[in-house]
Amino acid sequence: MDHRKLGRKPAHRKALLRNLMNALVHAERIETTVSKAKELRPLADRLITLGKAATLHSRRRVFSLLTDKEATDKLFATLAGRFTGRQGGYTRIVRTGFRIGDGAEMAIIEYLPAEEKKAGGKGKKKAAAKKSPAKTAEKKKVEKETTKPAARKVKQAAPKDTKPRASHAQTQKTPEGGQG
């Protein structure tokens, strides 16, 4: 099987995926069912790949997939630039649980956030990595010492006010079914 049919005719499925792509480009994060998210992922990644090309032909191809000028402009202006150093895998699917109405498994599909580039070279990174375990162990020791719980105070139970129980004779049911 080439793709999921999603319980729809081909034209309806194409429209559904187009709407999901538009929503994903506009919001950069949408919640849908897992099967729709899995079907959407290759299309969303293809949009970014076309956006990275930044040619007139790729712009026209993206517009033919989205049919929304604002979404197309946003894709080329911001989203494609975010993934210049990445060769695929632009989206992430996170399962969120089950929908209350019909029990369908839900997921969030989103474009990955921009990767923050660290200032400095590899040498500084390794040196920082070597120093950090000692610092964290030291911090943990200090936290343990300062956050030790005080000795537990024993609460003395207050005497309960108990009411005498009603005798069996008072609560006995009458033959008619009531209490008598």
N, C-alpha and C. Protein backbone atom coordinates (compact mmCIF):
# COMPACT_ATOMS: atom_id res chain seq x y z
N MET A 1 0.84 -1.17 0.00
CA MET A 1 0.00 0.00 0.00
C MET A 1 0.89 1.24 0.00
N ASP A 2 0.60 2.15 -0.89
CA ASP A 2 1.40 3.35 -1.08
C ASP A 2 1.20 4.37 0.03
N HIS A 3 -0.03 4.56 0.45
CA HIS A 3 -0.35 5.58 1.43
C HIS A 3 -1.60 5.17 2.20
N ARG A 4 -1.85 5.89 3.28
CA ARG A 4 -3.07 5.63 4.06
C ARG A 4 -4.25 6.26 3.35
N LYS A 5 -5.36 5.56 3.34
CA LYS A 5 -6.54 6.09 2.65
C LYS A 5 -7.36 7.00 3.55
N LEU A 6 -7.20 6.87 4.85
CA LEU A 6 -7.85 7.73 5.83
C LEU A 6 -9.37 7.73 5.71
N GLY A 7 -9.93 6.68 5.14
CA GLY A 7 -11.38 6.56 5.04
C GLY A 7 -12.02 7.59 4.13
N ARG A 8 -11.28 8.07 3.12
CA ARG A 8 -11.79 9.12 2.24
C ARG A 8 -11.52 8.79 0.79
N LYS A 9 -12.30 9.38 -0.07
CA LYS A 9 -12.07 9.27 -1.52
C LYS A 9 -10.83 10.09 -1.86
N PRO A 10 -10.22 9.84 -3.01
CA PRO A 10 -8.96 10.54 -3.33
C PRO A 10 -9.06 12.07 -3.31
N ALA A 11 -10.11 12.63 -3.85
CA ALA A 11 -10.22 14.10 -3.87
C ALA A 11 -10.36 14.65 -2.46
N HIS A 12 -11.14 13.97 -1.63
CA HIS A 12 -11.32 14.43 -0.24
C HIS A 12 -10.01 14.30 0.54
N ARG A 13 -9.29 13.20 0.31
CA ARG A 13 -8.01 12.98 0.99
C ARG A 13 -7.01 14.06 0.60
N LYS A 14 -6.97 14.41 -0.68
CA LYS A 14 -6.04 15.44 -1.17
C LYS A 14 -6.37 16.80 -0.53
N ALA A 15 -7.67 17.11 -0.44
CA ALA A 15 -8.08 18.37 0.17
C ALA A 15 -7.74 18.38 1.66
N LEU A 16 -7.95 17.26 2.32
CA LEU A 16 -7.63 17.16 3.75
C LEU A 16 -6.14 17.40 3.98
N LEU A 17 -5.30 16.75 3.20
CA LEU A 17 -3.85 16.89 3.38
C LEU A 17 -3.40 18.31 3.02
N ARG A 18 -4.03 18.92 2.04
CA ARG A 18 -3.70 20.30 1.69
C ARG A 18 -4.04 21.23 2.86
N ASN A 19 -5.20 21.03 3.45
CA ASN A 19 -5.59 21.85 4.59
C ASN A 19 -4.66 21.63 5.79
N LEU A 20 -4.27 20.39 6.02
CA LEU A 20 -3.32 20.10 7.11
C LEU A 20 -1.97 20.77 6.85
N MET A 21 -1.50 20.72 5.59
CA MET A 21 -0.22 21.36 5.26
C MET A 21 -0.30 22.87 5.49
N ASN A 22 -1.40 23.48 5.04
CA ASN A 22 -1.57 24.92 5.25
C ASN A 22 -1.58 25.27 6.73
N ALA A 23 -2.32 24.50 7.51
CA ALA A 23 -2.40 24.76 8.94
C ALA A 23 -1.04 24.60 9.60
N LEU A 24 -0.29 23.58 9.17
CA LEU A 24 1.03 23.34 9.75
C LEU A 24 2.00 24.48 9.41
N VAL A 25 1.94 24.98 8.19
CA VAL A 25 2.84 26.08 7.81
C VAL A 25 2.47 27.35 8.57
N HIS A 26 1.17 27.63 8.70
CA HIS A 26 0.75 28.85 9.41
C HIS A 26 1.08 28.76 10.90
N ALA A 27 0.69 27.66 11.55
CA ALA A 27 0.83 27.56 13.00
C ALA A 27 2.14 26.91 13.43
N GLU A 28 2.80 26.18 12.55
CA GLU A 28 4.04 25.43 12.79
C GLU A 28 3.84 24.29 13.78
N ARG A 29 2.60 24.09 14.25
CA ARG A 29 2.32 22.99 15.19
C ARG A 29 0.82 22.76 15.20
N ILE A 30 0.39 21.53 14.89
CA ILE A 30 -1.03 21.22 14.90
C ILE A 30 -1.26 19.89 15.58
N GLU A 31 -2.47 19.69 16.08
CA GLU A 31 -2.84 18.42 16.69
C GLU A 31 -3.83 17.73 15.79
N THR A 32 -3.56 16.47 15.50
CA THR A 32 -4.41 15.67 14.62
C THR A 32 -4.26 14.21 15.03
N THR A 33 -4.88 13.31 14.29
CA THR A 33 -4.73 11.90 14.62
C THR A 33 -3.35 11.41 14.18
N VAL A 34 -2.91 10.32 14.77
CA VAL A 34 -1.58 9.79 14.47
C VAL A 34 -1.47 9.41 12.99
N SER A 35 -2.49 8.76 12.45
CA SER A 35 -2.40 8.32 11.06
C SER A 35 -2.35 9.52 10.10
N LYS A 36 -3.10 10.58 10.39
CA LYS A 36 -3.04 11.78 9.54
C LYS A 36 -1.67 12.44 9.67
N ALA A 37 -1.12 12.47 10.88
CA ALA A 37 0.20 13.07 11.09
C ALA A 37 1.27 12.30 10.34
N LYS A 38 1.18 10.97 10.36
CA LYS A 38 2.17 10.15 9.66
C LYS A 38 2.06 10.33 8.15
N GLU A 39 0.86 10.55 7.67
CA GLU A 39 0.65 10.77 6.24
C GLU A 39 1.11 12.17 5.84
N LEU A 40 1.00 13.11 6.75
CA LEU A 40 1.37 14.51 6.48
C LEU A 40 2.87 14.73 6.52
N ARG A 41 3.57 13.95 7.32
CA ARG A 41 5.01 14.19 7.54
C ARG A 41 5.83 14.26 6.24
N PRO A 42 5.74 13.31 5.31
CA PRO A 42 6.57 13.43 4.10
C PRO A 42 6.21 14.65 3.26
N LEU A 43 4.94 15.02 3.25
CA LEU A 43 4.53 16.20 2.48
C LEU A 43 5.09 17.47 3.10
N ALA A 44 5.05 17.56 4.42
CA ALA A 44 5.57 18.74 5.12
C ALA A 44 7.09 18.84 4.94
N ASP A 45 7.78 17.71 4.96
CA ASP A 45 9.22 17.72 4.74
C ASP A 45 9.55 18.13 3.30
N ARG A 46 8.74 17.69 2.37
CA ARG A 46 8.96 18.05 0.96
C ARG A 46 8.79 19.55 0.76
N LEU A 47 7.85 20.15 1.47
CA LEU A 47 7.66 21.60 1.36
C LEU A 47 8.94 22.34 1.78
N ILE A 48 9.54 21.90 2.87
CA ILE A 48 10.77 22.54 3.35
C ILE A 48 11.90 22.35 2.34
N THR A 49 12.01 21.15 1.78
CA THR A 49 13.05 20.89 0.79
C THR A 49 12.89 21.80 -0.41
N LEU A 50 11.65 21.97 -0.87
CA LEU A 50 11.40 22.89 -1.99
C LEU A 50 11.69 24.32 -1.57
N GLY A 51 11.36 24.67 -0.35
CA GLY A 51 11.61 26.03 0.13
C GLY A 51 13.09 26.35 0.22
N LYS A 52 13.90 25.35 0.53
CA LYS A 52 15.35 25.56 0.61
C LYS A 52 15.95 25.81 -0.77
N ALA A 53 15.32 25.29 -1.82
CA ALA A 53 15.82 25.50 -3.18
C ALA A 53 15.68 26.96 -3.56
N ALA A 54 14.59 27.61 -3.17
CA ALA A 54 14.35 29.04 -3.37
C ALA A 54 14.45 29.46 -4.83
N THR A 55 13.94 28.65 -5.72
CA THR A 55 13.88 29.03 -7.13
C THR A 55 12.43 29.34 -7.48
N LEU A 56 12.22 29.94 -8.64
CA LEU A 56 10.87 30.25 -9.08
C LEU A 56 10.07 28.96 -9.28
N HIS A 57 10.75 27.95 -9.83
CA HIS A 57 10.08 26.67 -10.06
C HIS A 57 9.63 26.04 -8.73
N SER A 58 10.51 26.06 -7.72
CA SER A 58 10.14 25.47 -6.43
C SER A 58 9.02 26.28 -5.77
N ARG A 59 9.03 27.60 -5.93
CA ARG A 59 7.96 28.42 -5.38
C ARG A 59 6.63 28.06 -6.03
N ARG A 60 6.63 27.84 -7.32
CA ARG A 60 5.40 27.47 -8.02
C ARG A 60 4.92 26.09 -7.61
N ARG A 61 5.85 25.18 -7.40
CA ARG A 61 5.46 23.83 -6.95
C ARG A 61 4.86 23.88 -5.55
N VAL A 62 5.45 24.67 -4.65
CA VAL A 62 4.90 24.80 -3.30
C VAL A 62 3.51 25.42 -3.36
N PHE A 63 3.36 26.46 -4.20
CA PHE A 63 2.05 27.10 -4.30
C PHE A 63 1.01 26.13 -4.86
N SER A 64 1.42 25.23 -5.76
CA SER A 64 0.47 24.25 -6.30
C SER A 64 0.05 23.24 -5.23
N LEU A 65 0.94 22.98 -4.27
CA LEU A 65 0.59 22.07 -3.18
C LEU A 65 -0.27 22.76 -2.12
N LEU A 66 0.04 24.02 -1.81
CA LEU A 66 -0.65 24.71 -0.73
C LEU A 66 -1.86 25.52 -1.20
N THR A 67 -1.76 26.10 -2.38
CA THR A 67 -2.76 27.03 -2.93
C THR A 67 -3.10 28.15 -1.94
N ASP A 68 -2.10 28.63 -1.23
CA ASP A 68 -2.27 29.74 -0.30
C ASP A 68 -1.02 30.60 -0.37
N LYS A 69 -1.19 31.83 -0.85
CA LYS A 69 -0.04 32.70 -1.06
C LYS A 69 0.66 33.06 0.26
N GLU A 70 -0.12 33.32 1.31
CA GLU A 70 0.48 33.67 2.60
C GLU A 70 1.33 32.53 3.15
N ALA A 71 0.81 31.31 3.05
CA ALA A 71 1.56 30.14 3.54
C ALA A 71 2.82 29.94 2.72
N THR A 72 2.71 30.13 1.42
CA THR A 72 3.88 29.98 0.54
C THR A 72 4.95 31.02 0.90
N ASP A 73 4.52 32.26 1.09
CA ASP A 73 5.48 33.31 1.45
C ASP A 73 6.15 33.03 2.79
N LYS A 74 5.38 32.57 3.76
CA LYS A 74 5.94 32.27 5.08
C LYS A 74 6.94 31.12 4.98
N LEU A 75 6.62 30.11 4.16
CA LEU A 75 7.51 28.96 4.01
C LEU A 75 8.87 29.41 3.48
N PHE A 76 8.85 30.25 2.45
CA PHE A 76 10.11 30.68 1.85
C PHE A 76 10.82 31.72 2.71
N ALA A 77 10.07 32.57 3.40
CA ALA A 77 10.69 33.65 4.17
C ALA A 77 11.31 33.15 5.48
N THR A 78 10.58 32.30 6.22
CA THR A 78 11.07 31.95 7.56
C THR A 78 11.38 30.47 7.73
N LEU A 79 10.45 29.60 7.35
CA LEU A 79 10.63 28.18 7.66
C LEU A 79 11.82 27.55 6.94
N ALA A 80 11.96 27.83 5.65
CA ALA A 80 13.05 27.19 4.89
C ALA A 80 14.41 27.65 5.41
N GLY A 81 14.52 28.91 5.80
CA GLY A 81 15.80 29.43 6.32
C GLY A 81 16.20 28.78 7.63
N ARG A 82 15.23 28.30 8.37
CA ARG A 82 15.50 27.68 9.66
C ARG A 82 16.27 26.36 9.51
N PHE A 83 16.10 25.69 8.38
CA PHE A 83 16.66 24.34 8.22
C PHE A 83 17.77 24.29 7.17
N THR A 84 18.50 25.37 6.97
CA THR A 84 19.53 25.38 5.93
C THR A 84 20.63 24.36 6.21
N GLY A 85 20.98 24.13 7.45
CA GLY A 85 22.06 23.19 7.77
C GLY A 85 21.57 21.77 8.01
N ARG A 86 20.34 21.47 7.69
CA ARG A 86 19.76 20.17 8.00
C ARG A 86 19.35 19.46 6.72
N GLN A 87 19.62 18.17 6.66
CA GLN A 87 19.31 17.38 5.46
C GLN A 87 18.13 16.45 5.71
N GLY A 88 16.97 16.98 5.99
CA GLY A 88 15.80 16.14 6.20
C GLY A 88 15.43 16.06 7.66
N GLY A 89 14.27 15.46 7.94
CA GLY A 89 13.81 15.31 9.31
C GLY A 89 13.43 16.65 9.91
N TYR A 90 12.58 17.39 9.21
CA TYR A 90 12.23 18.73 9.67
C TYR A 90 11.03 18.73 10.62
N THR A 91 10.33 17.62 10.72
CA THR A 91 9.12 17.58 11.55
C THR A 91 9.29 16.56 12.67
N ARG A 92 8.42 16.72 13.67
CA ARG A 92 8.42 15.80 14.81
C ARG A 92 6.96 15.46 15.11
N ILE A 93 6.72 14.19 15.43
CA ILE A 93 5.38 13.74 15.81
C ILE A 93 5.44 13.27 17.26
N VAL A 94 4.59 13.88 18.10
CA VAL A 94 4.55 13.53 19.52
C VAL A 94 3.14 13.03 19.82
N ARG A 95 3.03 11.81 20.29
CA ARG A 95 1.71 11.26 20.62
C ARG A 95 1.21 11.88 21.91
N THR A 96 -0.09 12.23 21.93
CA THR A 96 -0.62 12.96 23.08
C THR A 96 -1.70 12.21 23.84
N GLY A 97 -2.13 11.08 23.37
CA GLY A 97 -3.17 10.35 24.08
C GLY A 97 -4.32 10.01 23.16
N PHE A 98 -5.48 9.82 23.73
CA PHE A 98 -6.63 9.38 22.94
C PHE A 98 -7.73 10.43 23.02
N ARG A 99 -8.42 10.62 21.90
CA ARG A 99 -9.51 11.58 21.85
C ARG A 99 -10.70 11.04 22.63
N ILE A 100 -11.38 11.92 23.34
CA ILE A 100 -12.46 11.49 24.21
C ILE A 100 -13.65 10.96 23.42
N GLY A 101 -14.02 11.62 22.33
CA GLY A 101 -15.23 11.25 21.61
C GLY A 101 -15.21 9.86 21.02
N ASP A 102 -14.16 9.54 20.26
CA ASP A 102 -14.14 8.25 19.56
C ASP A 102 -12.93 7.39 19.92
N GLY A 103 -12.06 7.87 20.78
CA GLY A 103 -10.92 7.07 21.21
C GLY A 103 -9.78 7.02 20.20
N ALA A 104 -9.80 7.92 19.20
CA ALA A 104 -8.71 7.93 18.22
C ALA A 104 -7.43 8.43 18.87
N GLU A 105 -6.31 7.82 18.50
CA GLU A 105 -5.03 8.23 19.06
C GLU A 105 -4.60 9.56 18.43
N MET A 106 -4.30 10.53 19.27
CA MET A 106 -3.97 11.87 18.82
C MET A 106 -2.46 12.11 18.90
N ALA A 107 -2.01 13.06 18.08
CA ALA A 107 -0.60 13.42 18.06
C ALA A 107 -0.44 14.88 17.68
N ILE A 108 0.68 15.44 18.08
CA ILE A 108 1.04 16.79 17.66
C ILE A 108 2.14 16.64 16.62
N ILE A 109 1.95 17.27 15.47
CA ILE A 109 3.02 17.31 14.47
C ILE A 109 3.48 18.76 14.39
N GLU A 110 4.80 18.94 14.41
CA GLU A 110 5.34 20.29 14.44
C GLU A 110 6.66 20.34 13.69
N TYR A 111 6.95 21.54 13.17
CA TYR A 111 8.28 21.77 12.62
C TYR A 111 9.23 21.96 13.78
N LEU A 112 10.42 21.42 13.66
CA LEU A 112 11.42 21.52 14.73
C LEU A 112 11.81 22.98 14.93
N PRO A 113 12.14 23.36 16.15
CA PRO A 113 12.58 24.74 16.38
C PRO A 113 13.96 24.97 15.78
N ALA A 114 14.32 26.23 15.64
CA ALA A 114 15.63 26.58 15.10
C ALA A 114 16.71 26.09 16.05
N GLU A 115 17.76 25.53 15.48
CA GLU A 115 18.86 25.05 16.31
C GLU A 115 19.74 26.23 16.69
N GLU A 116 20.03 26.34 17.97
CA GLU A 116 20.88 27.43 18.43
C GLU A 116 22.33 27.03 18.22
N LYS A 117 23.06 27.91 17.56
CA LYS A 117 24.47 27.63 17.30
C LYS A 117 25.28 28.17 18.47
N LYS A 118 26.14 27.33 19.01
CA LYS A 118 26.96 27.69 20.17
C LYS A 118 28.17 28.49 19.68
N ALA A 119 28.53 29.52 20.41
CA ALA A 119 29.73 30.29 20.09
C ALA A 119 30.94 29.52 20.61
N GLY A 120 32.02 29.55 19.86
CA GLY A 120 33.22 28.86 20.30
C GLY A 120 33.44 27.58 19.51
N GLY A 121 34.64 27.02 19.69
CA GLY A 121 34.99 25.82 18.94
C GLY A 121 34.74 24.56 19.74
N LYS A 122 35.25 23.45 19.16
CA LYS A 122 35.06 22.14 19.79
C LYS A 122 35.88 22.01 21.06
N GLY A 123 37.04 22.65 21.12
CA GLY A 123 37.92 22.55 22.28
C GLY A 123 37.27 23.08 23.54
N LYS A 124 36.57 24.19 23.40
CA LYS A 124 35.89 24.77 24.56
C LYS A 124 34.75 23.89 25.03
N LYS A 125 34.11 23.27 24.07
CA LYS A 125 32.96 22.41 24.40
C LYS A 125 33.42 21.20 25.23
N LYS A 126 34.53 20.60 24.82
CA LYS A 126 35.03 19.43 25.55
C LYS A 126 35.51 19.82 26.95
N ALA A 127 36.15 20.96 27.07
CA ALA A 127 36.64 21.40 28.37
C ALA A 127 35.47 21.67 29.31
N ALA A 128 34.43 22.27 28.78
CA ALA A 128 33.25 22.54 29.59
C ALA A 128 32.57 21.24 30.01
N ALA A 129 32.59 20.27 29.13
CA ALA A 129 31.96 18.99 29.44
C ALA A 129 32.72 18.27 30.55
N LYS A 130 34.04 18.42 30.57
CA LYS A 130 34.84 17.77 31.61
C LYS A 130 34.61 18.43 32.97
N LYS A 131 34.44 19.74 32.98
CA LYS A 131 34.27 20.46 34.24
C LYS A 131 32.88 20.29 34.81
N SER A 132 31.91 20.17 33.96
CA SER A 132 30.52 20.20 34.42
C SER A 132 30.14 19.06 35.37
N PRO A 133 30.60 17.81 35.22
CA PRO A 133 30.17 16.78 36.17
C PRO A 133 30.60 17.08 37.60
N ALA A 134 31.77 17.64 37.79
CA ALA A 134 32.24 17.96 39.13
C ALA A 134 31.38 19.06 39.74
N LYS A 135 31.03 20.05 38.93
CA LYS A 135 30.21 21.14 39.43
C LYS A 135 28.82 20.66 39.81
N THR A 136 28.25 19.81 38.98
CA THR A 136 26.90 19.33 39.27
C THR A 136 26.88 18.44 40.50
N ALA A 137 27.92 17.63 40.69
CA ALA A 137 27.98 16.79 41.88
C ALA A 137 28.11 17.65 43.13
N GLU A 138 28.89 18.72 43.03
CA GLU A 138 29.06 19.63 44.14
C GLU A 138 27.74 20.32 44.49
N LYS A 139 27.00 20.74 43.45
CA LYS A 139 25.71 21.41 43.66
C LYS A 139 24.72 20.45 44.31
N LYS A 140 24.71 19.21 43.87
CA LYS A 140 23.79 18.22 44.42
C LYS A 140 24.07 18.00 45.91
N LYS A 141 25.36 17.96 46.29
CA LYS A 141 25.73 17.78 47.69
C LYS A 141 25.19 18.92 48.54
N VAL A 142 25.36 20.13 48.03
CA VAL A 142 24.91 21.32 48.76
C VAL A 142 23.39 21.29 48.88
N GLU A 143 22.70 20.92 47.79
CA GLU A 143 21.24 20.87 47.82
C GLU A 143 20.75 19.84 48.83
N LYS A 144 21.43 18.69 48.89
CA LYS A 144 21.02 17.64 49.83
C LYS A 144 21.15 18.13 51.27
N GLU A 145 22.24 18.81 51.55
CA GLU A 145 22.48 19.28 52.91
C GLU A 145 21.48 20.35 53.32
N THR A 146 21.14 21.21 52.37
CA THR A 146 20.24 22.31 52.72
C THR A 146 18.77 21.91 52.71
N THR A 147 18.45 20.87 51.98
CA THR A 147 17.04 20.51 51.87
C THR A 147 16.68 19.25 52.65
N LYS A 148 17.49 18.92 53.67
CA LYS A 148 17.14 17.76 54.48
C LYS A 148 15.89 18.07 55.28
N PRO A 149 14.95 17.17 55.29
CA PRO A 149 13.71 17.45 56.02
C PRO A 149 13.97 17.44 57.53
N ALA A 150 13.31 18.32 58.23
CA ALA A 150 13.45 18.38 59.68
C ALA A 150 12.81 17.13 60.28
N ALA A 151 13.17 16.85 61.52
CA ALA A 151 12.61 15.66 62.16
C ALA A 151 11.09 15.77 62.15
N ARG A 152 10.47 14.67 61.86
CA ARG A 152 9.02 14.68 61.78
C ARG A 152 8.41 14.88 63.15
N LYS A 153 7.43 15.74 63.16
CA LYS A 153 6.72 15.96 64.42
C LYS A 153 5.60 14.95 64.50
N VAL A 154 5.51 14.32 65.63
CA VAL A 154 4.48 13.31 65.82
C VAL A 154 3.22 14.01 66.27
N LYS A 155 2.17 13.83 65.51
CA LYS A 155 0.90 14.43 65.88
C LYS A 155 0.18 13.51 66.83
N GLN A 156 -0.30 14.10 67.88
CA GLN A 156 -1.08 13.29 68.80
C GLN A 156 -2.53 13.37 68.36
N ALA A 157 -3.13 12.22 68.26
CA ALA A 157 -4.51 12.18 67.81
C ALA A 157 -5.42 12.71 68.89
N ALA A 158 -6.32 13.59 68.48
CA ALA A 158 -7.29 14.14 69.44
C ALA A 158 -8.34 13.08 69.71
N PRO A 159 -8.84 13.03 70.95
CA PRO A 159 -9.86 12.01 71.23
C PRO A 159 -11.10 12.30 70.40
N LYS A 160 -11.66 11.23 69.85
CA LYS A 160 -12.83 11.36 69.01
C LYS A 160 -14.09 11.46 69.86
N ASP A 161 -14.97 12.32 69.43
CA ASP A 161 -16.28 12.38 70.07
C ASP A 161 -17.12 11.28 69.46
N THR A 162 -17.39 10.27 70.25
CA THR A 162 -18.16 9.15 69.70
C THR A 162 -19.57 9.20 70.24
N LYS A 163 -20.49 8.96 69.37
CA LYS A 163 -21.89 8.91 69.78
C LYS A 163 -22.24 7.46 70.04
N PRO A 164 -23.04 7.24 71.03
CA PRO A 164 -23.44 5.85 71.27
C PRO A 164 -24.30 5.37 70.11
N ARG A 165 -24.08 4.13 69.75
CA ARG A 165 -24.83 3.56 68.64
C ARG A 165 -26.27 3.29 69.07
N ALA A 166 -27.12 3.43 68.10
CA ALA A 166 -28.53 3.14 68.38
C ALA A 166 -28.67 1.64 68.57
N SER A 167 -29.54 1.28 69.45
CA SER A 167 -29.71 -0.15 69.70
C SER A 167 -30.43 -0.79 68.53
N HIS A 168 -30.31 -2.08 68.47
CA HIS A 168 -30.90 -2.85 67.38
C HIS A 168 -32.42 -2.72 67.39
N ALA A 169 -32.97 -2.60 68.52
CA ALA A 169 -34.43 -2.52 68.63
C ALA A 169 -34.94 -1.22 68.05
N GLN A 170 -34.18 -0.14 68.15
CA GLN A 170 -34.65 1.14 67.64
C GLN A 170 -34.64 1.19 66.12
N THR A 171 -33.76 0.48 65.48
CA THR A 171 -33.65 0.56 64.05
C THR A 171 -34.28 -0.63 63.34
N GLN A 172 -35.01 -1.42 64.03
CA GLN A 172 -35.60 -2.61 63.42
C GLN A 172 -36.71 -2.18 62.47
N LYS A 173 -36.78 -2.84 61.33
CA LYS A 173 -37.78 -2.50 60.33
C LYS A 173 -39.12 -3.11 60.71
N THR A 174 -40.16 -2.39 60.35
CA THR A 174 -41.52 -2.88 60.58
C THR A 174 -41.92 -3.81 59.45
N PRO A 175 -42.93 -4.60 59.61
CA PRO A 175 -43.35 -5.50 58.55
C PRO A 175 -43.75 -4.78 57.26
N GLU A 176 -44.18 -3.52 57.36
CA GLU A 176 -44.58 -2.78 56.17
C GLU A 176 -43.36 -2.31 55.38
N GLY A 177 -42.20 -2.39 55.90
CA GLY A 177 -40.99 -2.01 55.19
C GLY A 177 -40.38 -0.73 55.73
N GLY A 178 -41.03 0.02 56.58
CA GLY A 178 -40.47 1.24 57.14
C GLY A 178 -39.70 0.94 58.40
N GLN A 179 -39.11 1.95 58.97
CA GLN A 179 -38.40 1.76 60.23
C GLN A 179 -39.32 2.09 61.39
N GLY A 180 -39.16 1.39 62.42
CA GLY A 180 -40.12 1.63 63.49
C GLY A 180 -39.57 1.82 64.79
